[in-house]
Every structure is written in structure tokens, then in C-alpha cells.
Amino acid sequence: MLMQKADGSQNTGPDIPSNYSRLIARELDLSAKQLPRLLVGTGLGVTQFLSEDTLLTVAQQVRILRNALELSGQPEFGLRTGNRQSPATTRKTEDHT
């Protein structure tokens, strides 16, 4: 899955703030020791993932979402997590990154 830039070229580099994935980790109530389970297949280490300035690729974000769904054991996990997000929550999170 590639994102298209305004000039028509495709963006394959990291440009997704990791704070969204950290919210997913909190929703799963994962401890720092459990984070590697969420990061399987992403090529990310825990320290890098927890860094405020880390950006993710689309592939890394998708892998984290798939891992989260598997870890939750709940098919509705994505809907439940999305329902807890609001524009105010997102802005507050972005302000801290």
C-alpha cells in the first residue's frame, strides 16, 4: 500500500507518527516488556518505537495493526479502538509528539 504525494510520486518512506501505534499499545494494556509482541515483523525495537520522533512506514503501521488484532483476540478491536479516538484526543496526542 503506497501513498501518493501531491506531485504524483509515491511515498514509501516513513511518515506516520508512532504516537497512534503507542495509543494501540495502551489500549492493549501492554507493558514495555510486552511491546516486542506488538512490534513483531516491523523491524522496530522498543526504544525506537517509544521515541517521540519515530515515524513509521505504511508497512510497519499495517503490521502493528495486524499484530494488535491478533494480540487482542477480539475481531472488533479496531472498531473499539477507533471509537475511543476523537479529534480532541488526536490533537492532544499530536501536540505531545
PDB file of N, CA and C in Angstrom:
ATOM      1  N   MET A   1       0.847  -1.160   0.000  1.00  0.00           N
ATOM      2  CA  MET A   1       0.000   0.000   0.000  1.00  0.00           C
ATOM      3  C   MET A   1       0.897   1.229   0.000  1.00  0.00           C
ATOM      4  N   LEU A   2       0.859   2.029  -1.066  1.00  0.00           N
ATOM      5  CA  LEU A   2       1.691   3.211  -1.195  1.00  0.00           C
ATOM      6  C   LEU A   2       0.818   4.451  -1.197  1.00  0.00           C
ATOM      7  N   MET A   3       1.300   5.490  -0.564  1.00  0.00           N
ATOM      8  CA  MET A   3       0.591   6.758  -0.537  1.00  0.00           C
ATOM      9  C   MET A   3       1.116   7.612  -1.676  1.00  0.00           C
ATOM     10  N   GLN A   4       0.222   8.372  -2.316  1.00  0.00           N
ATOM     11  CA  GLN A   4       0.632   9.229  -3.402  1.00  0.00           C
ATOM     12  C   GLN A   4       0.801  10.659  -2.898  1.00  0.00           C
ATOM     13  N   LYS A   5       1.915  11.265  -3.274  1.00  0.00           N
ATOM     14  CA  LYS A   5       2.192  12.650  -2.892  1.00  0.00           C
ATOM     15  C   LYS A   5       1.442  13.591  -3.830  1.00  0.00           C
ATOM     16  N   ALA A   6       1.390  14.856  -3.470  1.00  0.00           N
ATOM     17  CA  ALA A   6       0.704  15.865  -4.274  1.00  0.00           C
ATOM     18  C   ALA A   6       1.290  15.972  -5.677  1.00  0.00           C
ATOM     19  N   ASP A   7       2.587  15.722  -5.825  1.00  0.00           N
ATOM     20  CA  ASP A   7       3.215  15.826  -7.140  1.00  0.00           C
ATOM     21  C   ASP A   7       3.045  14.564  -7.980  1.00  0.00           C
ATOM     22  N   GLY A   8       2.300  13.581  -7.473  1.00  0.00           N
ATOM     23  CA  GLY A   8       2.026  12.356  -8.216  1.00  0.00           C
ATOM     24  C   GLY A   8       2.980  11.217  -7.916  1.00  0.00           C
ATOM     25  N   SER A   9       4.108  11.498  -7.252  1.00  0.00           N
ATOM     26  CA  SER A   9       5.040  10.425  -6.912  1.00  0.00           C
ATOM     27  C   SER A   9       4.510   9.649  -5.714  1.00  0.00           C
ATOM     28  N   GLN A  10       5.038   8.447  -5.541  1.00  0.00           N
ATOM     29  CA  GLN A  10       4.582   7.611  -4.434  1.00  0.00           C
ATOM     30  C   GLN A  10       5.538   7.718  -3.260  1.00  0.00           C
ATOM     31  N   ASN A  11       4.961   7.752  -2.076  1.00  0.00           N
ATOM     32  CA  ASN A  11       5.748   7.868  -0.853  1.00  0.00           C
ATOM     33  C   ASN A  11       5.875   6.496  -0.211  1.00  0.00           C
ATOM     34  N   THR A  12       7.098   5.995  -0.110  1.00  0.00           N
ATOM     35  CA  THR A  12       7.320   4.701   0.531  1.00  0.00           C
ATOM     36  C   THR A  12       8.097   4.852   1.833  1.00  0.00           C
ATOM     37  N   GLY A  13       8.482   6.072   2.162  1.00  0.00           N
ATOM     38  CA  GLY A  13       9.264   6.312   3.367  1.00  0.00           C
ATOM     39  C   GLY A  13       8.395   6.445   4.600  1.00  0.00           C
ATOM     40  N   PRO A  14       9.047   6.477   5.742  1.00  0.00           N
ATOM     41  CA  PRO A  14       8.303   6.617   6.997  1.00  0.00           C
ATOM     42  C   PRO A  14       7.732   8.024   7.142  1.00  0.00           C
ATOM     43  N   ASP A  15       6.427   8.113   7.366  1.00  0.00           N
ATOM     44  CA  ASP A  15       5.812   9.418   7.589  1.00  0.00           C
ATOM     45  C   ASP A  15       4.580   9.353   8.494  1.00  0.00           C
ATOM     46  N   ILE A  16       4.378   8.214   9.164  1.00  0.00           N
ATOM     47  CA  ILE A  16       3.240   8.058  10.068  1.00  0.00           C
ATOM     48  C   ILE A  16       3.755   8.192  11.501  1.00  0.00           C
ATOM     49  N   PRO A  17       3.271   9.172  12.246  1.00  0.00           N
ATOM     50  CA  PRO A  17       3.723   9.320  13.640  1.00  0.00           C
ATOM     51  C   PRO A  17       3.446   8.052  14.446  1.00  0.00           C
ATOM     52  N   SER A  18       4.420   7.637  15.233  1.00  0.00           N
ATOM     53  CA  SER A  18       4.265   6.407  16.018  1.00  0.00           C
ATOM     54  C   SER A  18       3.323   6.579  17.203  1.00  0.00           C
ATOM     55  N   ASN A  19       2.917   7.816  17.489  1.00  0.00           N
ATOM     56  CA  ASN A  19       2.028   8.022  18.635  1.00  0.00           C
ATOM     57  C   ASN A  19       0.707   7.276  18.472  1.00  0.00           C
ATOM     58  N   TYR A  20       0.223   7.108  17.249  1.00  0.00           N
ATOM     59  CA  TYR A  20      -1.015   6.358  17.035  1.00  0.00           C
ATOM     60  C   TYR A  20      -0.836   4.893  17.446  1.00  0.00           C
ATOM     61  N   SER A  21       0.305   4.339  17.110  1.00  0.00           N
ATOM     62  CA  SER A  21       0.566   2.949  17.491  1.00  0.00           C
ATOM     63  C   SER A  21       0.805   2.815  18.991  1.00  0.00           C
ATOM     64  N   ARG A  22       1.375   3.841  19.595  1.00  0.00           N
ATOM     65  CA  ARG A  22       1.533   3.803  21.051  1.00  0.00           C
ATOM     66  C   ARG A  22       0.172   3.837  21.747  1.00  0.00           C
ATOM     67  N   LEU A  23      -0.800   4.531  21.160  1.00  0.00           N
ATOM     68  CA  LEU A  23      -2.166   4.502  21.701  1.00  0.00           C
ATOM     69  C   LEU A  23      -2.737   3.089  21.632  1.00  0.00           C
ATOM     70  N   ILE A  24      -2.429   2.385  20.555  1.00  0.00           N
ATOM     71  CA  ILE A  24      -2.882   0.996  20.414  1.00  0.00           C
ATOM     72  C   ILE A  24      -2.259   0.137  21.508  1.00  0.00           C
ATOM     73  N   ALA A  25      -0.975   0.339  21.769  1.00  0.00           N
ATOM     74  CA  ALA A  25      -0.301  -0.423  22.833  1.00  0.00           C
ATOM     75  C   ALA A  25      -0.956  -0.163  24.181  1.00  0.00           C
ATOM     76  N   ARG A  26      -1.322   1.083  24.423  1.00  0.00           N
ATOM     77  CA  ARG A  26      -2.014   1.407  25.684  1.00  0.00           C
ATOM     78  C   ARG A  26      -3.385   0.748  25.740  1.00  0.00           C
ATOM     79  N   GLU A  27      -4.087   0.756  24.620  1.00  0.00           N
ATOM     80  CA  GLU A  27      -5.410   0.118  24.566  1.00  0.00           C
ATOM     81  C   GLU A  27      -5.303  -1.370  24.894  1.00  0.00           C
ATOM     82  N   LEU A  28      -4.206  -1.986  24.461  1.00  0.00           N
ATOM     83  CA  LEU A  28      -3.969  -3.403  24.761  1.00  0.00           C
ATOM     84  C   LEU A  28      -3.412  -3.600  26.170  1.00  0.00           C
ATOM     85  N   ASP A  29      -3.097  -2.513  26.853  1.00  0.00           N
ATOM     86  CA  ASP A  29      -2.535  -2.546  28.208  1.00  0.00           C
ATOM     87  C   ASP A  29      -1.212  -3.322  28.242  1.00  0.00           C
ATOM     88  N   LEU A  30      -0.367  -3.072  27.223  1.00  0.00           N
ATOM     89  CA  LEU A  30       0.923  -3.757  27.132  1.00  0.00           C
ATOM     90  C   LEU A  30       1.973  -3.044  27.976  1.00  0.00           C
ATOM     91  N   SER A  31       2.763  -3.813  28.684  1.00  0.00           N
ATOM     92  CA  SER A  31       3.906  -3.260  29.412  1.00  0.00           C
ATOM     93  C   SER A  31       5.074  -3.131  28.433  1.00  0.00           C
ATOM     94  N   ALA A  32       6.122  -2.438  28.845  1.00  0.00           N
ATOM     95  CA  ALA A  32       7.305  -2.295  27.991  1.00  0.00           C
ATOM     96  C   ALA A  32       7.882  -3.660  27.626  1.00  0.00           C
ATOM     97  N   LYS A  33       7.833  -4.612  28.554  1.00  0.00           N
ATOM     98  CA  LYS A  33       8.354  -5.955  28.277  1.00  0.00           C
ATOM     99  C   LYS A  33       7.501  -6.701  27.254  1.00  0.00           C
ATOM    100  N   GLN A  34       6.238  -6.322  27.121  1.00  0.00           N
ATOM    101  CA  GLN A  34       5.338  -6.993  26.182  1.00  0.00           C
ATOM    102  C   GLN A  34       5.331  -6.343  24.797  1.00  0.00           C
ATOM    103  N   LEU A  35       5.887  -5.152  24.669  1.00  0.00           N
ATOM    104  CA  LEU A  35       5.863  -4.437  23.395  1.00  0.00           C
ATOM    105  C   LEU A  35       6.482  -5.202  22.230  1.00  0.00           C
ATOM    106  N   PRO A  36       7.539  -6.004  22.424  1.00  0.00           N
ATOM    107  CA  PRO A  36       8.078  -6.740  21.280  1.00  0.00           C
ATOM    108  C   PRO A  36       7.028  -7.598  20.566  1.00  0.00           C
ATOM    109  N   ARG A  37       6.030  -8.062  21.281  1.00  0.00           N
ATOM    110  CA  ARG A  37       4.966  -8.853  20.652  1.00  0.00           C
ATOM    111  C   ARG A  37       4.165  -7.999  19.674  1.00  0.00           C
ATOM    112  N   LEU A  38       3.973  -6.734  19.985  1.00  0.00           N
ATOM    113  CA  LEU A  38       3.261  -5.823  19.094  1.00  0.00           C
ATOM    114  C   LEU A  38       4.119  -5.454  17.888  1.00  0.00           C
ATOM    115  N   LEU A  39       5.440  -5.465  18.070  1.00  0.00           N
ATOM    116  CA  LEU A  39       6.367  -4.999  17.040  1.00  0.00           C
ATOM    117  C   LEU A  39       6.907  -6.098  16.133  1.00  0.00           C
ATOM    118  N   VAL A  40       6.492  -7.341  16.335  1.00  0.00           N
ATOM    119  CA  VAL A  40       6.968  -8.458  15.507  1.00  0.00           C
ATOM    120  C   VAL A  40       6.774  -8.118  14.026  1.00  0.00           C
ATOM    121  N   GLY A  41       7.841  -8.292  13.248  1.00  0.00           N
ATOM    122  CA  GLY A  41       7.763  -8.096  11.799  1.00  0.00           C
ATOM    123  C   GLY A  41       7.878  -6.656  11.336  1.00  0.00           C
ATOM    124  N   THR A  42       8.097  -5.720  12.270  1.00  0.00           N
ATOM    125  CA  THR A  42       8.196  -4.311  11.887  1.00  0.00           C
ATOM    126  C   THR A  42       9.631  -3.835  11.714  1.00  0.00           C
ATOM    127  N   GLY A  43      10.581  -4.564  12.305  1.00  0.00           N
ATOM    128  CA  GLY A  43      11.966  -4.109  12.287  1.00  0.00           C
ATOM    129  C   GLY A  43      12.243  -3.024  13.315  1.00  0.00           C
ATOM    130  N   LEU A  44      11.276  -2.741  14.166  1.00  0.00           N
ATOM    131  CA  LEU A  44      11.429  -1.715  15.194  1.00  0.00           C
ATOM    132  C   LEU A  44      11.786  -2.334  16.532  1.00  0.00           C
ATOM    133  N   GLY A  45      12.652  -1.676  17.265  1.00  0.00           N
ATOM    134  CA  GLY A  45      12.919  -2.054  18.640  1.00  0.00           C
ATOM    135  C   GLY A  45      12.037  -1.233  19.566  1.00  0.00           C
ATOM    136  N   VAL A  46      11.943  -1.643  20.806  1.00  0.00           N
ATOM    137  CA  VAL A  46      11.088  -0.955  21.774  1.00  0.00           C
ATOM    138  C   VAL A  46      11.528   0.497  21.965  1.00  0.00           C
ATOM    139  N   THR A  47      12.826   0.733  22.113  1.00  0.00           N
ATOM    140  CA  THR A  47      13.322   2.097  22.328  1.00  0.00           C
ATOM    141  C   THR A  47      12.963   3.000  21.163  1.00  0.00           C
ATOM    142  N   GLN A  48      13.165   2.505  19.949  1.00  0.00           N
ATOM    143  CA  GLN A  48      12.831   3.290  18.761  1.00  0.00           C
ATOM    144  C   GLN A  48      11.329   3.558  18.707  1.00  0.00           C
ATOM    145  N   PHE A  49      10.523   2.543  18.991  1.00  0.00           N
ATOM    146  CA  PHE A  49       9.066   2.674  18.967  1.00  0.00           C
ATOM    147  C   PHE A  49       8.587   3.722  19.974  1.00  0.00           C
ATOM    148  N   LEU A  50       9.203   3.753  21.142  1.00  0.00           N
ATOM    149  CA  LEU A  50       8.772   4.671  22.199  1.00  0.00           C
ATOM    150  C   LEU A  50       9.297   6.094  22.019  1.00  0.00           C
ATOM    151  N   SER A  51      10.223   6.281  21.096  1.00  0.00           N
ATOM    152  CA  SER A  51      10.765   7.613  20.843  1.00  0.00           C
ATOM    153  C   SER A  51       9.684   8.509  20.237  1.00  0.00           C
ATOM    154  N   GLU A  52       9.574   9.716  20.765  1.00  0.00           N
ATOM    155  CA  GLU A  52       8.542  10.662  20.324  1.00  0.00           C
ATOM    156  C   GLU A  52       8.687  11.062  18.858  1.00  0.00           C
ATOM    157  N   ASP A  53       9.893  10.997  18.306  1.00  0.00           N
ATOM    158  CA  ASP A  53      10.086  11.457  16.934  1.00  0.00           C
ATOM    159  C   ASP A  53      10.150  10.329  15.906  1.00  0.00           C
ATOM    160  N   THR A  54       9.816   9.105  16.306  1.00  0.00           N
ATOM    161  CA  THR A  54       9.835   7.983  15.371  1.00  0.00           C
ATOM    162  C   THR A  54       8.663   8.066  14.403  1.00  0.00           C
ATOM    163  N   LEU A  55       8.980   7.892  13.125  1.00  0.00           N
ATOM    164  CA  LEU A  55       7.959   7.820  12.081  1.00  0.00           C
ATOM    165  C   LEU A  55       7.929   6.402  11.538  1.00  0.00           C
ATOM    166  N   LEU A  56       6.739   5.928  11.199  1.00  0.00           N
ATOM    167  CA  LEU A  56       6.553   4.572  10.692  1.00  0.00           C
ATOM    168  C   LEU A  56       6.227   4.591   9.211  1.00  0.00           C
ATOM    169  N   THR A  57       6.601   3.515   8.535  1.00  0.00           N
ATOM    170  CA  THR A  57       6.170   3.326   7.155  1.00  0.00           C
ATOM    171  C   THR A  57       4.751   2.765   7.177  1.00  0.00           C
ATOM    172  N   VAL A  58       4.106   2.794   6.033  1.00  0.00           N
ATOM    173  CA  VAL A  58       2.767   2.201   5.928  1.00  0.00           C
ATOM    174  C   VAL A  58       2.838   0.725   6.287  1.00  0.00           C
ATOM    175  N   ALA A  59       3.867   0.026   5.789  1.00  0.00           N
ATOM    176  CA  ALA A  59       4.003  -1.410   6.069  1.00  0.00           C
ATOM    177  C   ALA A  59       4.154  -1.668   7.568  1.00  0.00           C
ATOM    178  N   GLN A  60       4.938  -0.842   8.252  1.00  0.00           N
ATOM    179  CA  GLN A  60       5.105  -1.017   9.701  1.00  0.00           C
ATOM    180  C   GLN A  60       3.790  -0.772  10.438  1.00  0.00           C
ATOM    181  N   GLN A  61       3.059   0.262  10.033  1.00  0.00           N
ATOM    182  CA  GLN A  61       1.786   0.568  10.684  1.00  0.00           C
ATOM    183  C   GLN A  61       0.788  -0.565  10.484  1.00  0.00           C
ATOM    184  N   VAL A  62       0.721  -1.080   9.271  1.00  0.00           N
ATOM    185  CA  VAL A  62      -0.203  -2.186   8.986  1.00  0.00           C
ATOM    186  C   VAL A  62       0.181  -3.414   9.806  1.00  0.00           C
ATOM    187  N   ARG A  63       1.473  -3.713   9.906  1.00  0.00           N
ATOM    188  CA  ARG A  63       1.927  -4.870  10.691  1.00  0.00           C
ATOM    189  C   ARG A  63       1.552  -4.691  12.162  1.00  0.00           C
ATOM    190  N   ILE A  64       1.724  -3.501  12.698  1.00  0.00           N
ATOM    191  CA  ILE A  64       1.347  -3.242  14.091  1.00  0.00           C
ATOM    192  C   ILE A  64      -0.152  -3.441  14.277  1.00  0.00           C
ATOM    193  N   LEU A  65      -0.942  -2.957  13.349  1.00  0.00           N
ATOM    194  CA  LEU A  65      -2.398  -3.133  13.447  1.00  0.00           C
ATOM    195  C   LEU A  65      -2.780  -4.610  13.401  1.00  0.00           C
ATOM    196  N   ARG A  66      -2.146  -5.355  12.517  1.00  0.00           N
ATOM    197  CA  ARG A  66      -2.428  -6.803  12.437  1.00  0.00           C
ATOM    198  C   ARG A  66      -1.990  -7.517  13.713  1.00  0.00           C
ATOM    199  N   ASN A  67      -0.820  -7.161  14.219  1.00  0.00           N
ATOM    200  CA  ASN A  67      -0.351  -7.761  15.473  1.00  0.00           C
ATOM    201  C   ASN A  67      -1.302  -7.427  16.617  1.00  0.00           C
ATOM    202  N   ALA A  68      -1.767  -6.190  16.667  1.00  0.00           N
ATOM    203  CA  ALA A  68      -2.686  -5.767  17.734  1.00  0.00           C
ATOM    204  C   ALA A  68      -3.985  -6.559  17.670  1.00  0.00           C
ATOM    205  N   LEU A  69      -4.495  -6.752  16.479  1.00  0.00           N
ATOM    206  CA  LEU A  69      -5.726  -7.525  16.318  1.00  0.00           C
ATOM    207  C   LEU A  69      -5.533  -8.948  16.829  1.00  0.00           C
ATOM    208  N   GLU A  70      -4.393  -9.540  16.480  1.00  0.00           N
ATOM    209  CA  GLU A  70      -4.097 -10.897  16.943  1.00  0.00           C
ATOM    210  C   GLU A  70      -3.920 -10.943  18.465  1.00  0.00           C
ATOM    211  N   LEU A  71      -3.191  -9.982  19.010  1.00  0.00           N
ATOM    212  CA  LEU A  71      -2.959  -9.954  20.457  1.00  0.00           C
ATOM    213  C   LEU A  71      -4.247  -9.732  21.249  1.00  0.00           C
ATOM    214  N   SER A  72      -5.142  -8.946  20.694  1.00  0.00           N
ATOM    215  CA  SER A  72      -6.387  -8.645  21.407  1.00  0.00           C
ATOM    216  C   SER A  72      -7.318  -9.851  21.446  1.00  0.00           C
ATOM    217  N   GLY A  73      -7.267 -10.677  20.394  1.00  0.00           N
ATOM    218  CA  GLY A  73      -8.180 -11.811  20.308  1.00  0.00           C
ATOM    219  C   GLY A  73      -9.622 -11.386  20.092  1.00  0.00           C
ATOM    220  N   GLN A  74      -9.833 -10.150  19.700  1.00  0.00           N
ATOM    221  CA  GLN A  74     -11.178  -9.606  19.518  1.00  0.00           C
ATOM    222  C   GLN A  74     -11.320  -9.029  18.116  1.00  0.00           C
ATOM    223  N   PRO A  75     -12.182  -9.616  17.285  1.00  0.00           N
ATOM    224  CA  PRO A  75     -12.347  -9.118  15.918  1.00  0.00           C
ATOM    225  C   PRO A  75     -12.752  -7.642  15.856  1.00  0.00           C
ATOM    226  N   GLU A  76     -13.410  -7.152  16.888  1.00  0.00           N
ATOM    227  CA  GLU A  76     -13.878  -5.762  16.893  1.00  0.00           C
ATOM    228  C   GLU A  76     -12.857  -4.796  17.501  1.00  0.00           C
ATOM    229  N   PHE A  77     -11.651  -5.263  17.752  1.00  0.00           N
ATOM    230  CA  PHE A  77     -10.639  -4.427  18.405  1.00  0.00           C
ATOM    231  C   PHE A  77     -10.431  -3.096  17.678  1.00  0.00           C
ATOM    232  N   GLY A  78     -10.295  -3.132  16.373  1.00  0.00           N
ATOM    233  CA  GLY A  78     -10.072  -1.903  15.606  1.00  0.00           C
ATOM    234  C   GLY A  78     -11.218  -0.921  15.739  1.00  0.00           C
ATOM    235  N   LEU A  79     -12.428  -1.430  15.700  1.00  0.00           N
ATOM    236  CA  LEU A  79     -13.594  -0.558  15.851  1.00  0.00           C
ATOM    237  C   LEU A  79     -13.645   0.049  17.250  1.00  0.00           C
ATOM    238  N   ARG A  80     -13.365  -0.767  18.242  1.00  0.00           N
ATOM    239  CA  ARG A  80     -13.393  -0.292  19.624  1.00  0.00           C
ATOM    240  C   ARG A  80     -12.317   0.774  19.847  1.00  0.00           C
ATOM    241  N   THR A  81     -11.139   0.526  19.322  1.00  0.00           N
ATOM    242  CA  THR A  81     -10.043   1.482  19.474  1.00  0.00           C
ATOM    243  C   THR A  81     -10.354   2.780  18.730  1.00  0.00           C
ATOM    244  N   GLY A  82     -10.844   2.658  17.511  1.00  0.00           N
ATOM    245  CA  GLY A  82     -11.204   3.841  16.729  1.00  0.00           C
ATOM    246  C   GLY A  82     -12.303   4.649  17.382  1.00  0.00           C
ATOM    247  N   ASN A  83     -13.233   3.963  18.013  1.00  0.00           N
ATOM    248  CA  ASN A  83     -14.336   4.644  18.684  1.00  0.00           C
ATOM    249  C   ASN A  83     -13.842   5.494  19.852  1.00  0.00           C
ATOM    250  N   ARG A  84     -12.737   5.097  20.458  1.00  0.00           N
ATOM    251  CA  ARG A  84     -12.186   5.858  21.590  1.00  0.00           C
ATOM    252  C   ARG A  84     -11.377   7.062  21.134  1.00  0.00           C
ATOM    253  N   GLN A  85     -11.055   7.105  19.851  1.00  0.00           N
ATOM    254  CA  GLN A  85     -10.306   8.238  19.310  1.00  0.00           C
ATOM    255  C   GLN A  85     -11.287   9.339  18.944  1.00  0.00           C
ATOM    256  N   SER A  86     -10.913  10.542  19.217  1.00  0.00           N
ATOM    257  CA  SER A  86     -11.710  11.695  18.820  1.00  0.00           C
ATOM    258  C   SER A  86     -10.747  12.745  18.291  1.00  0.00           C
ATOM    259  N   PRO A  87     -11.251  13.725  17.550  1.00  0.00           N
ATOM    260  CA  PRO A  87     -10.341  14.780  17.087  1.00  0.00           C
ATOM    261  C   PRO A  87      -9.582  15.430  18.243  1.00  0.00           C
ATOM    262  N   ALA A  88     -10.241  15.612  19.377  1.00  0.00           N
ATOM    263  CA  ALA A  88      -9.564  16.215  20.531  1.00  0.00           C
ATOM    264  C   ALA A  88      -8.450  15.315  21.044  1.00  0.00           C
ATOM    265  N   THR A  89      -8.699  13.996  21.097  1.00  0.00           N
ATOM    266  CA  THR A  89      -7.682  13.046  21.547  1.00  0.00           C
ATOM    267  C   THR A  89      -6.495  13.060  20.598  1.00  0.00           C
ATOM    268  N   THR A  90      -6.779  13.056  19.307  1.00  0.00           N
ATOM    269  CA  THR A  90      -5.724  13.036  18.304  1.00  0.00           C
ATOM    270  C   THR A  90      -4.895  14.310  18.373  1.00  0.00           C
ATOM    271  N   ARG A  91      -5.546  15.458  18.469  1.00  0.00           N
ATOM    272  CA  ARG A  91      -4.800  16.722  18.564  1.00  0.00           C
ATOM    273  C   ARG A  91      -3.934  16.745  19.817  1.00  0.00           C
ATOM    274  N   LYS A  92      -4.486  16.296  20.932  1.00  0.00           N
ATOM    275  CA  LYS A  92      -3.726  16.288  22.178  1.00  0.00           C
ATOM    276  C   LYS A  92      -2.499  15.405  22.032  1.00  0.00           C
ATOM    277  N   THR A  93      -2.672  14.232  21.406  1.00  0.00           N
ATOM    278  CA  THR A  93      -1.559  13.316  21.201  1.00  0.00           C
ATOM    279  C   THR A  93      -0.518  13.940  20.284  1.00  0.00           C
ATOM    280  N   GLU A  94      -0.969  14.587  19.202  1.00  0.00           N
ATOM    281  CA  GLU A  94      -0.039  15.195  18.261  1.00  0.00           C
ATOM    282  C   GLU A  94       0.734  16.337  18.912  1.00  0.00           C
ATOM    283  N   ASP A  95       0.098  17.065  19.816  1.00  0.00           N
ATOM    284  CA  ASP A  95       0.775  18.162  20.491  1.00  0.00           C
ATOM    285  C   ASP A  95       1.939  17.677  21.347  1.00  0.00           C
ATOM    286  N   HIS A  96       1.877  16.421  21.805  1.00  0.00           N
ATOM    287  CA  HIS A  96       2.922  15.883  22.673  1.00  0.00           C
ATOM    288  C   HIS A  96       4.033  15.197  21.909  1.00  0.00           C
ATOM    289  N   THR A  97       3.942  15.139  20.605  1.00  0.00           N
ATOM    290  CA  THR A  97       4.991  14.468  19.840  1.00  0.00           C
ATOM    291  C   THR A  97       5.940  15.450  19.227  1.00  0.00           C
TER     292      THR A  97
END
